[in-house]
Amino acid sequence: GGAPTARAPGAAAPRAPEPAAEDLHA
C-alpha cells in the first residue's frame, strides 16, 4: 500500500538463522 516499513531504507532484511546440518549414519 505504499506505507513505510519499520526498517531503514536500503537496510537488508533480517534473516532467520539456518538450521545446522547433521551427518546421518546407517
mmCIF file of all heavy atoms, coordinates in Angstrom:
data_MODEL
# 
_entry.id   MODEL 
# 
loop_
_atom_site.group_PDB 
_atom_site.id 
_atom_site.type_symbol 
_atom_site.label_atom_id 
_atom_site.label_alt_id 
_atom_site.label_comp_id 
_atom_site.label_asym_id 
_atom_site.label_entity_id 
_atom_site.label_seq_id 
_atom_site.pdbx_PDB_ins_code 
_atom_site.Cartn_x 
_atom_site.Cartn_y 
_atom_site.Cartn_z 
_atom_site.occupancy 
_atom_site.B_iso_or_equiv 
_atom_site.pdbx_formal_charge 
_atom_site.auth_seq_id 
_atom_site.auth_comp_id 
_atom_site.auth_asym_id 
_atom_site.auth_atom_id 
_atom_site.pdbx_PDB_model_num 
ATOM 1   N N   . GLY A 1 1  ? 0.795  -1.220  0.000  1.00 0.00 ? 1  GLY A N   1 
ATOM 2   C CA  . GLY A 1 1  ? 0.000  0.000   0.000  1.00 0.00 ? 1  GLY A CA  1 
ATOM 3   C C   . GLY A 1 1  ? 0.825  1.265   0.000  1.00 0.00 ? 1  GLY A C   1 
ATOM 4   O O   . GLY A 1 1  ? 0.283  2.353   0.004  1.00 0.00 ? 1  GLY A O   1 
ATOM 5   N N   . GLY A 1 2  ? 2.123  1.169   -0.001 1.00 0.00 ? 2  GLY A N   1 
ATOM 6   C CA  . GLY A 1 2  ? 2.971  2.351   -0.010 1.00 0.00 ? 2  GLY A CA  1 
ATOM 7   C C   . GLY A 1 2  ? 3.288  2.867   1.380  1.00 0.00 ? 2  GLY A C   1 
ATOM 8   O O   . GLY A 1 2  ? 3.915  3.898   1.525  1.00 0.00 ? 2  GLY A O   1 
ATOM 9   N N   . ALA A 1 3  ? 2.816  2.182   2.416  1.00 0.00 ? 3  ALA A N   1 
ATOM 10  C CA  . ALA A 1 3  ? 3.098  2.607   3.775  1.00 0.00 ? 3  ALA A CA  1 
ATOM 11  C C   . ALA A 1 3  ? 4.572  2.347   4.090  1.00 0.00 ? 3  ALA A C   1 
ATOM 12  O O   . ALA A 1 3  ? 5.140  1.363   3.640  1.00 0.00 ? 3  ALA A O   1 
ATOM 13  C CB  . ALA A 1 3  ? 2.221  1.851   4.763  1.00 0.00 ? 3  ALA A CB  1 
ATOM 14  N N   . PRO A 1 4  ? 5.203  3.208   4.852  1.00 0.00 ? 4  PRO A N   1 
ATOM 15  C CA  . PRO A 1 4  ? 6.618  2.998   5.181  1.00 0.00 ? 4  PRO A CA  1 
ATOM 16  C C   . PRO A 1 4  ? 6.789  1.779   6.083  1.00 0.00 ? 4  PRO A C   1 
ATOM 17  O O   . PRO A 1 4  ? 5.925  1.455   6.882  1.00 0.00 ? 4  PRO A O   1 
ATOM 18  C CB  . PRO A 1 4  ? 7.015  4.284   5.911  1.00 0.00 ? 4  PRO A CB  1 
ATOM 19  C CG  . PRO A 1 4  ? 5.740  4.867   6.401  1.00 0.00 ? 4  PRO A CG  1 
ATOM 20  C CD  . PRO A 1 4  ? 4.671  4.431   5.430  1.00 0.00 ? 4  PRO A CD  1 
ATOM 21  N N   . THR A 1 5  ? 7.924  1.149   5.956  1.00 0.00 ? 5  THR A N   1 
ATOM 22  C CA  . THR A 1 5  ? 8.231  -0.017  6.781  1.00 0.00 ? 5  THR A CA  1 
ATOM 23  C C   . THR A 1 5  ? 9.026  0.414   8.003  1.00 0.00 ? 5  THR A C   1 
ATOM 24  O O   . THR A 1 5  ? 9.508  1.545   8.080  1.00 0.00 ? 5  THR A O   1 
ATOM 25  C CB  . THR A 1 5  ? 9.043  -1.048  5.981  1.00 0.00 ? 5  THR A CB  1 
ATOM 26  O OG1 . THR A 1 5  ? 10.239 -0.429  5.534  1.00 0.00 ? 5  THR A OG1 1 
ATOM 27  C CG2 . THR A 1 5  ? 8.260  -1.557  4.785  1.00 0.00 ? 5  THR A CG2 1 
ATOM 28  N N   . ALA A 1 6  ? 9.193  -0.481  8.955  1.00 0.00 ? 6  ALA A N   1 
ATOM 29  C CA  . ALA A 1 6  ? 9.883  -0.164  10.201 1.00 0.00 ? 6  ALA A CA  1 
ATOM 30  C C   . ALA A 1 6  ? 11.396 -0.073  10.023 1.00 0.00 ? 6  ALA A C   1 
ATOM 31  O O   . ALA A 1 6  ? 12.069 0.594   10.770 1.00 0.00 ? 6  ALA A O   1 
ATOM 32  C CB  . ALA A 1 6  ? 9.554  -1.214  11.258 1.00 0.00 ? 6  ALA A CB  1 
ATOM 33  N N   . ARG A 1 7  ? 11.945 -0.769  8.998  1.00 0.00 ? 7  ARG A N   1 
ATOM 34  C CA  . ARG A 1 7  ? 13.398 -0.719  8.823  1.00 0.00 ? 7  ARG A CA  1 
ATOM 35  C C   . ARG A 1 7  ? 13.805 0.477   7.972  1.00 0.00 ? 7  ARG A C   1 
ATOM 36  O O   . ARG A 1 7  ? 13.007 1.053   7.273  1.00 0.00 ? 7  ARG A O   1 
ATOM 37  C CB  . ARG A 1 7  ? 13.968 -1.977  8.183  1.00 0.00 ? 7  ARG A CB  1 
ATOM 38  C CG  . ARG A 1 7  ? 13.094 -3.004  7.817  1.00 0.00 ? 7  ARG A CG  1 
ATOM 39  C CD  . ARG A 1 7  ? 13.856 -4.178  7.200  1.00 0.00 ? 7  ARG A CD  1 
ATOM 40  N NE  . ARG A 1 7  ? 13.131 -4.543  6.006  1.00 0.00 ? 7  ARG A NE  1 
ATOM 41  C CZ  . ARG A 1 7  ? 13.566 -4.337  4.783  1.00 0.00 ? 7  ARG A CZ  1 
ATOM 42  N NH1 . ARG A 1 7  ? 14.720 -3.813  4.562  1.00 0.00 ? 7  ARG A NH1 1 
ATOM 43  N NH2 . ARG A 1 7  ? 12.846 -4.676  3.766  1.00 0.00 ? 7  ARG A NH2 1 
ATOM 44  N N   . ALA A 1 8  ? 15.065 0.797   8.072  1.00 0.00 ? 8  ALA A N   1 
ATOM 45  C CA  . ALA A 1 8  ? 15.602 1.918   7.310  1.00 0.00 ? 8  ALA A CA  1 
ATOM 46  C C   . ALA A 1 8  ? 15.669 1.550   5.830  1.00 0.00 ? 8  ALA A C   1 
ATOM 47  O O   . ALA A 1 8  ? 15.876 0.394   5.486  1.00 0.00 ? 8  ALA A O   1 
ATOM 48  C CB  . ALA A 1 8  ? 17.000 2.267   7.815  1.00 0.00 ? 8  ALA A CB  1 
ATOM 49  N N   . PRO A 1 9  ? 15.495 2.523   4.939  1.00 0.00 ? 9  PRO A N   1 
ATOM 50  C CA  . PRO A 1 9  ? 15.586 2.217   3.514  1.00 0.00 ? 9  PRO A CA  1 
ATOM 51  C C   . PRO A 1 9  ? 16.981 1.731   3.143  1.00 0.00 ? 9  PRO A C   1 
ATOM 52  O O   . PRO A 1 9  ? 17.984 2.264   3.607  1.00 0.00 ? 9  PRO A O   1 
ATOM 53  C CB  . PRO A 1 9  ? 15.274 3.535   2.818  1.00 0.00 ? 9  PRO A CB  1 
ATOM 54  C CG  . PRO A 1 9  ? 14.936 4.509   3.874  1.00 0.00 ? 9  PRO A CG  1 
ATOM 55  C CD  . PRO A 1 9  ? 15.182 3.900   5.200  1.00 0.00 ? 9  PRO A CD  1 
ATOM 56  N N   . GLY A 1 10 ? 17.036 0.702   2.344  1.00 0.00 ? 10 GLY A N   1 
ATOM 57  C CA  . GLY A 1 10 ? 18.310 0.156   1.905  1.00 0.00 ? 10 GLY A CA  1 
ATOM 58  C C   . GLY A 1 10 ? 18.912 -0.850  2.865  1.00 0.00 ? 10 GLY A C   1 
ATOM 59  O O   . GLY A 1 10 ? 19.916 -1.475  2.566  1.00 0.00 ? 10 GLY A O   1 
ATOM 60  N N   . ALA A 1 11 ? 18.307 -1.013  4.054  1.00 0.00 ? 11 ALA A N   1 
ATOM 61  C CA  . ALA A 1 11 ? 18.822 -1.973  5.027  1.00 0.00 ? 11 ALA A CA  1 
ATOM 62  C C   . ALA A 1 11 ? 18.392 -3.373  4.615  1.00 0.00 ? 11 ALA A C   1 
ATOM 63  O O   . ALA A 1 11 ? 17.310 -3.578  4.097  1.00 0.00 ? 11 ALA A O   1 
ATOM 64  C CB  . ALA A 1 11 ? 18.294 -1.654  6.423  1.00 0.00 ? 11 ALA A CB  1 
ATOM 65  N N   . ALA A 1 12 ? 19.258 -4.319  4.848  1.00 0.00 ? 12 ALA A N   1 
ATOM 66  C CA  . ALA A 1 12 ? 18.954 -5.700  4.499  1.00 0.00 ? 12 ALA A CA  1 
ATOM 67  C C   . ALA A 1 12 ? 17.919 -6.266  5.468  1.00 0.00 ? 12 ALA A C   1 
ATOM 68  O O   . ALA A 1 12 ? 17.904 -5.926  6.646  1.00 0.00 ? 12 ALA A O   1 
ATOM 69  C CB  . ALA A 1 12 ? 20.224 -6.548  4.557  1.00 0.00 ? 12 ALA A CB  1 
ATOM 70  N N   . ALA A 1 13 ? 17.046 -7.098  4.951  1.00 0.00 ? 13 ALA A N   1 
ATOM 71  C CA  . ALA A 1 13 ? 16.023 -7.725  5.783  1.00 0.00 ? 13 ALA A CA  1 
ATOM 72  C C   . ALA A 1 13 ? 16.688 -8.728  6.719  1.00 0.00 ? 13 ALA A C   1 
ATOM 73  O O   . ALA A 1 13 ? 17.620 -9.421  6.328  1.00 0.00 ? 13 ALA A O   1 
ATOM 74  C CB  . ALA A 1 13 ? 14.994 -8.421  4.911  1.00 0.00 ? 13 ALA A CB  1 
ATOM 75  N N   . PRO A 1 14 ? 16.225 -8.810  7.955  1.00 0.00 ? 14 PRO A N   1 
ATOM 76  C CA  . PRO A 1 14 ? 16.816 -9.783  8.878  1.00 0.00 ? 14 PRO A CA  1 
ATOM 77  C C   . PRO A 1 14 ? 16.517 -11.195 8.399  1.00 0.00 ? 14 PRO A C   1 
ATOM 78  O O   . PRO A 1 14 ? 15.415 -11.497 7.975  1.00 0.00 ? 14 PRO A O   1 
ATOM 79  C CB  . PRO A 1 14 ? 16.129 -9.489  10.212 1.00 0.00 ? 14 PRO A CB  1 
ATOM 80  C CG  . PRO A 1 14 ? 14.888 -8.761  9.856  1.00 0.00 ? 14 PRO A CG  1 
ATOM 81  C CD  . PRO A 1 14 ? 15.161 -8.047  8.570  1.00 0.00 ? 14 PRO A CD  1 
ATOM 82  N N   . ARG A 1 15 ? 17.518 -12.059 8.463  1.00 0.00 ? 15 ARG A N   1 
ATOM 83  C CA  . ARG A 1 15 ? 17.361 -13.436 8.008  1.00 0.00 ? 15 ARG A CA  1 
ATOM 84  C C   . ARG A 1 15 ? 17.226 -14.355 9.207  1.00 0.00 ? 15 ARG A C   1 
ATOM 85  O O   . ARG A 1 15 ? 17.860 -14.135 10.240 1.00 0.00 ? 15 ARG A O   1 
ATOM 86  C CB  . ARG A 1 15 ? 18.564 -13.869 7.185  1.00 0.00 ? 15 ARG A CB  1 
ATOM 87  C CG  . ARG A 1 15 ? 18.760 -13.047 5.943  1.00 0.00 ? 15 ARG A CG  1 
ATOM 88  C CD  . ARG A 1 15 ? 19.922 -13.579 5.196  1.00 0.00 ? 15 ARG A CD  1 
ATOM 89  N NE  . ARG A 1 15 ? 19.410 -14.040 3.913  1.00 0.00 ? 15 ARG A NE  1 
ATOM 90  C CZ  . ARG A 1 15 ? 20.117 -14.664 3.024  1.00 0.00 ? 15 ARG A CZ  1 
ATOM 91  N NH1 . ARG A 1 15 ? 21.374 -14.948 3.273  1.00 0.00 ? 15 ARG A NH1 1 
ATOM 92  N NH2 . ARG A 1 15 ? 19.596 -15.025 1.886  1.00 0.00 ? 15 ARG A NH2 1 
ATOM 93  N N   . ALA A 1 16 ? 16.428 -15.369 9.033  1.00 0.00 ? 16 ALA A N   1 
ATOM 94  C CA  . ALA A 1 16 ? 16.300 -16.385 10.070 1.00 0.00 ? 16 ALA A CA  1 
ATOM 95  C C   . ALA A 1 16 ? 17.563 -17.235 10.054 1.00 0.00 ? 16 ALA A C   1 
ATOM 96  O O   . ALA A 1 16 ? 18.123 -17.502 8.992  1.00 0.00 ? 16 ALA A O   1 
ATOM 97  C CB  . ALA A 1 16 ? 15.082 -17.248 9.798  1.00 0.00 ? 16 ALA A CB  1 
ATOM 98  N N   . PRO A 1 17 ? 18.031 -17.654 11.205 1.00 0.00 ? 17 PRO A N   1 
ATOM 99  C CA  . PRO A 1 17 ? 19.237 -18.489 11.227 1.00 0.00 ? 17 PRO A CA  1 
ATOM 100 C C   . PRO A 1 17 ? 18.969 -19.814 10.531 1.00 0.00 ? 17 PRO A C   1 
ATOM 101 O O   . PRO A 1 17 ? 17.906 -20.403 10.685 1.00 0.00 ? 17 PRO A O   1 
ATOM 102 C CB  . PRO A 1 17 ? 19.522 -18.682 12.712 1.00 0.00 ? 17 PRO A CB  1 
ATOM 103 C CG  . PRO A 1 17 ? 18.236 -18.391 13.398 1.00 0.00 ? 17 PRO A CG  1 
ATOM 104 C CD  . PRO A 1 17 ? 17.503 -17.417 12.534 1.00 0.00 ? 17 PRO A CD  1 
ATOM 105 N N   . GLU A 1 18 ? 19.945 -20.254 9.754  1.00 0.00 ? 18 GLU A N   1 
ATOM 106 C CA  . GLU A 1 18 ? 19.804 -21.519 9.043  1.00 0.00 ? 18 GLU A CA  1 
ATOM 107 C C   . GLU A 1 18 ? 20.053 -22.665 10.014 1.00 0.00 ? 18 GLU A C   1 
ATOM 108 O O   . GLU A 1 18 ? 20.946 -22.581 10.860 1.00 0.00 ? 18 GLU A O   1 
ATOM 109 C CB  . GLU A 1 18 ? 20.793 -21.582 7.886  1.00 0.00 ? 18 GLU A CB  1 
ATOM 110 C CG  . GLU A 1 18 ? 20.485 -20.587 6.799  1.00 0.00 ? 18 GLU A CG  1 
ATOM 111 C CD  . GLU A 1 18 ? 21.403 -20.766 5.606  1.00 0.00 ? 18 GLU A CD  1 
ATOM 112 O OE1 . GLU A 1 18 ? 21.958 -21.856 5.429  1.00 0.00 ? 18 GLU A OE1 1 
ATOM 113 O OE2 . GLU A 1 18 ? 21.548 -19.795 4.860  1.00 0.00 ? 18 GLU A OE2 1 
ATOM 114 N N   . PRO A 1 19 ? 19.264 -23.720 9.906  1.00 0.00 ? 19 PRO A N   1 
ATOM 115 C CA  . PRO A 1 19 ? 19.491 -24.847 10.809 1.00 0.00 ? 19 PRO A CA  1 
ATOM 116 C C   . PRO A 1 19 ? 20.819 -25.522 10.501 1.00 0.00 ? 19 PRO A C   1 
ATOM 117 O O   . PRO A 1 19 ? 21.260 -25.564 9.360  1.00 0.00 ? 19 PRO A O   1 
ATOM 118 C CB  . PRO A 1 19 ? 18.319 -25.785 10.519 1.00 0.00 ? 19 PRO A CB  1 
ATOM 119 C CG  . PRO A 1 19 ? 17.856 -25.415 9.153  1.00 0.00 ? 19 PRO A CG  1 
ATOM 120 C CD  . PRO A 1 19 ? 18.170 -23.952 8.988  1.00 0.00 ? 19 PRO A CD  1 
ATOM 121 N N   . ALA A 1 20 ? 21.450 -26.026 11.535 1.00 0.00 ? 20 ALA A N   1 
ATOM 122 C CA  . ALA A 1 20 ? 22.733 -26.703 11.349 1.00 0.00 ? 20 ALA A CA  1 
ATOM 123 C C   . ALA A 1 20 ? 22.500 -28.046 10.665 1.00 0.00 ? 20 ALA A C   1 
ATOM 124 O O   . ALA A 1 20 ? 21.556 -28.759 10.969 1.00 0.00 ? 20 ALA A O   1 
ATOM 125 C CB  . ALA A 1 20 ? 23.399 -26.914 12.706 1.00 0.00 ? 20 ALA A CB  1 
ATOM 126 N N   . ALA A 1 21 ? 23.346 -28.378 9.731  1.00 0.00 ? 21 ALA A N   1 
ATOM 127 C CA  . ALA A 1 21 ? 23.248 -29.655 9.030  1.00 0.00 ? 21 ALA A CA  1 
ATOM 128 C C   . ALA A 1 21 ? 23.903 -30.745 9.876  1.00 0.00 ? 21 ALA A C   1 
ATOM 129 O O   . ALA A 1 21 ? 24.915 -30.512 10.533 1.00 0.00 ? 21 ALA A O   1 
ATOM 130 C CB  . ALA A 1 21 ? 23.924 -29.563 7.681  1.00 0.00 ? 21 ALA A CB  1 
ATOM 131 N N   . GLU A 1 22 ? 23.300 -31.899 9.878  1.00 0.00 ? 22 GLU A N   1 
ATOM 132 C CA  . GLU A 1 22 ? 23.850 -33.021 10.632 1.00 0.00 ? 22 GLU A CA  1 
ATOM 133 C C   . GLU A 1 22 ? 24.171 -34.154 9.679  1.00 0.00 ? 22 GLU A C   1 
ATOM 134 O O   . GLU A 1 22 ? 23.445 -34.397 8.724  1.00 0.00 ? 22 GLU A O   1 
ATOM 135 C CB  . GLU A 1 22 ? 22.836 -33.528 11.655 1.00 0.00 ? 22 GLU A CB  1 
ATOM 136 C CG  . GLU A 1 22 ? 22.567 -32.567 12.783 1.00 0.00 ? 22 GLU A CG  1 
ATOM 137 C CD  . GLU A 1 22 ? 21.704 -33.202 13.856 1.00 0.00 ? 22 GLU A CD  1 
ATOM 138 O OE1 . GLU A 1 22 ? 21.925 -34.379 14.180 1.00 0.00 ? 22 GLU A OE1 1 
ATOM 139 O OE2 . GLU A 1 22 ? 20.810 -32.512 14.354 1.00 0.00 ? 22 GLU A OE2 1 
ATOM 140 N N   . ASP A 1 23 ? 25.264 -34.839 9.965  1.00 0.00 ? 23 ASP A N   1 
ATOM 141 C CA  . ASP A 1 23 ? 25.598 -36.029 9.197  1.00 0.00 ? 23 ASP A CA  1 
ATOM 142 C C   . ASP A 1 23 ? 24.750 -37.188 9.701  1.00 0.00 ? 23 ASP A C   1 
ATOM 143 O O   . ASP A 1 23 ? 24.509 -37.329 10.898 1.00 0.00 ? 23 ASP A O   1 
ATOM 144 C CB  . ASP A 1 23 ? 27.079 -36.371 9.348  1.00 0.00 ? 23 ASP A CB  1 
ATOM 145 C CG  . ASP A 1 23 ? 27.964 -35.379 8.614  1.00 0.00 ? 23 ASP A CG  1 
ATOM 146 O OD1 . ASP A 1 23 ? 27.508 -34.821 7.597  1.00 0.00 ? 23 ASP A OD1 1 
ATOM 147 O OD2 . ASP A 1 23 ? 29.108 -35.179 9.066  1.00 0.00 ? 23 ASP A OD2 1 
ATOM 148 N N   . LEU A 1 24 ? 24.299 -38.015 8.790  1.00 0.00 ? 24 LEU A N   1 
ATOM 149 C CA  . LEU A 1 24 ? 23.496 -39.171 9.143  1.00 0.00 ? 24 LEU A CA  1 
ATOM 150 C C   . LEU A 1 24 ? 24.336 -40.427 9.043  1.00 0.00 ? 24 LEU A C   1 
ATOM 151 O O   . LEU A 1 24 ? 25.282 -40.494 8.263  1.00 0.00 ? 24 LEU A O   1 
ATOM 152 C CB  . LEU A 1 24 ? 22.284 -39.274 8.212  1.00 0.00 ? 24 LEU A CB  1 
ATOM 153 C CG  . LEU A 1 24 ? 21.359 -38.062 8.178  1.00 0.00 ? 24 LEU A CG  1 
ATOM 154 C CD1 . LEU A 1 24 ? 20.238 -38.292 7.174  1.00 0.00 ? 24 LEU A CD1 1 
ATOM 155 C CD2 . LEU A 1 24 ? 20.789 -37.765 9.540  1.00 0.00 ? 24 LEU A CD2 1 
ATOM 156 N N   . HIS A 1 25 ? 23.991 -41.409 9.825  1.00 0.00 ? 25 HIS A N   1 
ATOM 157 C CA  . HIS A 1 25 ? 24.676 -42.695 9.747  1.00 0.00 ? 25 HIS A CA  1 
ATOM 158 C C   . HIS A 1 25 ? 23.618 -43.796 9.691  1.00 0.00 ? 25 HIS A C   1 
ATOM 159 O O   . HIS A 1 25 ? 22.497 -43.627 10.160 1.00 0.00 ? 25 HIS A O   1 
ATOM 160 C CB  . HIS A 1 25 ? 25.640 -42.898 10.916 1.00 0.00 ? 25 HIS A CB  1 
ATOM 161 C CG  . HIS A 1 25 ? 24.958 -43.089 12.236 1.00 0.00 ? 25 HIS A CG  1 
ATOM 162 N ND1 . HIS A 1 25 ? 24.430 -42.054 12.956 1.00 0.00 ? 25 HIS A ND1 1 
ATOM 163 C CD2 . HIS A 1 25 ? 24.712 -44.210 12.953 1.00 0.00 ? 25 HIS A CD2 1 
ATOM 164 C CE1 . HIS A 1 25 ? 23.898 -42.514 14.059 1.00 0.00 ? 25 HIS A CE1 1 
ATOM 165 N NE2 . HIS A 1 25 ? 24.052 -43.825 14.091 1.00 0.00 ? 25 HIS A NE2 1 
ATOM 166 N N   . ALA A 1 26 ? 23.982 -44.912 9.115  1.00 0.00 ? 26 ALA A N   1 
ATOM 167 C CA  . ALA A 1 26 ? 23.047 -46.022 8.991  1.00 0.00 ? 26 ALA A CA  1 
ATOM 168 C C   . ALA A 1 26 ? 22.893 -46.723 10.329 1.00 0.00 ? 26 ALA A C   1 
ATOM 169 O O   . ALA A 1 26 ? 23.867 -47.002 11.030 1.00 0.00 ? 26 ALA A O   1 
ATOM 170 C CB  . ALA A 1 26 ? 23.530 -47.000 7.942  1.00 0.00 ? 26 ALA A CB  1 
# 
